[in-house]
Amino acid sequence: EKLFGKPNDVKVYSYGQNTSDLLVISLDCGKIVMVKYLWERNALDTIMMCNGEENAYGTGSEVQVQSNGIRRYLGSGNDCSICVCQDNGVVCSTIYGQYLVVTPIP
């Protein structure tokens, strides 16, 4: 699978001793990618991809959803930041500044 978009924010999640850290990248609003560096293979391993806006194409795109038969306009995409909580093992982000996305770190 692939996600396309402009990188907006990058954070690091540290597992602790002798374990590679996770790089958490935000691509446009609602898209999060987590990658881990594999020392033994000198490669990146994709741990998780989350796309909160399947019908969005990049920052500035317009998104509409249909819920319970009602079509709603969610607005235009903006740059979003992400927050990594080391204590609880979650990543938080927002979609269009209205909808909070909380994603557990595997």
Protein backbone atom coordinates (compact mmCIF):
# COMPACT_ATOMS: atom_id res chain seq x y z
CA GLU A 1 0.00 0.00 0.00
CA LYS A 2 1.04 3.59 -0.55
CA LEU A 3 0.11 6.95 0.89
CA PHE A 4 0.75 10.13 -1.03
CA GLY A 5 1.02 13.57 0.49
CA LYS A 6 3.23 16.33 1.76
CA PRO A 7 5.08 15.64 5.04
CA ASN A 8 3.78 18.06 7.66
CA ASP A 9 5.18 16.86 10.98
CA VAL A 10 7.66 14.26 12.20
CA LYS A 11 8.00 12.84 15.71
CA VAL A 12 9.91 9.94 17.30
CA TYR A 13 8.51 7.24 19.57
CA SER A 14 11.13 5.50 21.70
CA TYR A 15 10.53 1.96 22.92
CA GLY A 16 13.53 2.18 25.22
CA GLN A 17 16.60 -0.02 25.61
CA ASN A 18 18.12 -1.84 22.64
CA THR A 19 15.10 -1.31 20.41
CA SER A 20 14.89 0.85 17.32
CA ASP A 21 12.78 3.96 17.68
CA LEU A 22 9.72 4.58 15.52
CA LEU A 23 9.57 7.54 13.19
CA VAL A 24 6.01 8.90 13.10
CA ILE A 25 5.25 11.03 10.03
CA SER A 26 2.14 13.09 9.32
CA LEU A 27 1.24 13.42 5.62
CA ASP A 28 -1.45 16.04 5.12
CA CYS A 29 -4.45 15.82 7.44
CA GLY A 30 -5.42 12.44 8.78
CA LYS A 31 -2.59 10.46 7.19
CA ILE A 32 -0.05 8.92 9.55
CA VAL A 33 2.86 6.61 8.72
CA MET A 34 5.05 4.81 11.28
CA VAL A 35 8.40 3.38 10.16
CA LYS A 36 11.17 1.58 12.02
CA TYR A 37 14.83 1.40 11.03
CA LEU A 38 16.15 -2.17 10.77
CA TRP A 39 19.85 -2.09 11.61
CA GLU A 40 20.57 -5.63 10.47
CA ARG A 41 19.23 -4.98 6.94
CA ASN A 42 19.93 -1.23 6.74
CA ALA A 43 16.32 -0.65 5.68
CA LEU A 44 13.08 0.97 6.79
CA ASP A 45 10.12 -1.21 7.77
CA THR A 46 6.62 0.25 7.57
CA ILE A 47 4.91 -0.55 10.87
CA MET A 48 1.57 1.17 10.22
CA MET A 49 -0.22 3.41 7.74
CA CYS A 50 -3.41 5.26 8.62
CA ASN A 51 -5.43 7.26 6.09
CA GLY A 52 -8.29 9.13 7.75
CA GLU A 53 -9.32 10.72 4.45
CA GLU A 54 -9.48 8.18 1.66
CA ASN A 55 -10.94 10.63 -0.84
CA ALA A 56 -8.51 13.48 -0.07
CA TYR A 57 -5.60 14.29 -2.33
CA GLY A 58 -3.10 16.55 -0.60
CA THR A 59 -3.21 19.69 1.47
CA GLY A 60 -5.93 22.08 0.35
CA SER A 61 -8.19 19.34 -0.97
CA GLU A 62 -11.88 19.35 -0.17
CA VAL A 63 -13.45 16.40 1.57
CA GLN A 64 -17.08 15.39 1.79
CA VAL A 65 -18.50 12.42 3.66
CA GLN A 66 -21.85 10.75 3.67
CA SER A 67 -23.12 9.65 7.07
CA ASN A 68 -26.61 8.29 7.71
CA GLY A 69 -27.68 9.46 4.26
CA ILE A 70 -26.60 13.07 4.90
CA ARG A 71 -23.76 14.53 2.87
CA ARG A 72 -21.45 16.76 4.91
CA TYR A 73 -18.69 19.09 3.79
CA LEU A 74 -15.65 18.76 6.06
CA GLY A 75 -13.65 21.70 4.71
CA SER A 76 -10.26 22.09 3.09
CA GLY A 77 -7.14 20.32 4.28
CA ASN A 78 -4.59 22.23 6.30
CA ASP A 79 -1.17 21.37 7.66
CA CYS A 80 -1.58 19.35 10.82
CA SER A 81 0.76 18.46 13.63
CA ILE A 82 0.97 15.21 15.53
CA CYS A 83 1.66 14.50 19.18
CA VAL A 84 3.35 11.31 20.38
CA CYS A 85 2.61 10.26 23.97
CA GLN A 86 5.51 8.13 25.25
CA ASP A 87 3.67 7.17 28.46
CA ASN A 88 0.46 5.88 26.85
CA GLY A 89 1.88 4.67 23.52
CA VAL A 90 -0.47 6.68 21.29
CA VAL A 91 -0.25 9.20 18.47
CA CYS A 92 -2.78 12.05 18.35
CA SER A 93 -3.64 14.17 15.33
CA THR A 94 -6.61 16.07 13.98
CA ILE A 95 -8.56 16.02 10.73
CA TYR A 96 -9.44 19.53 9.62
CA GLY A 97 -9.04 20.78 13.18
CA GLN A 98 -12.39 19.25 14.12
CA TYR A 99 -11.96 15.51 14.53
CA LEU A 100 -9.42 14.04 16.94
CA VAL A 101 -7.64 10.91 15.76
CA VAL A 102 -5.99 8.75 18.44
CA THR A 103 -3.91 5.89 17.06
CA PRO A 104 -2.25 3.24 19.27
CA ILE A 105 1.41 2.54 18.60
CA PRO A 106 1.96 -1.16 17.80
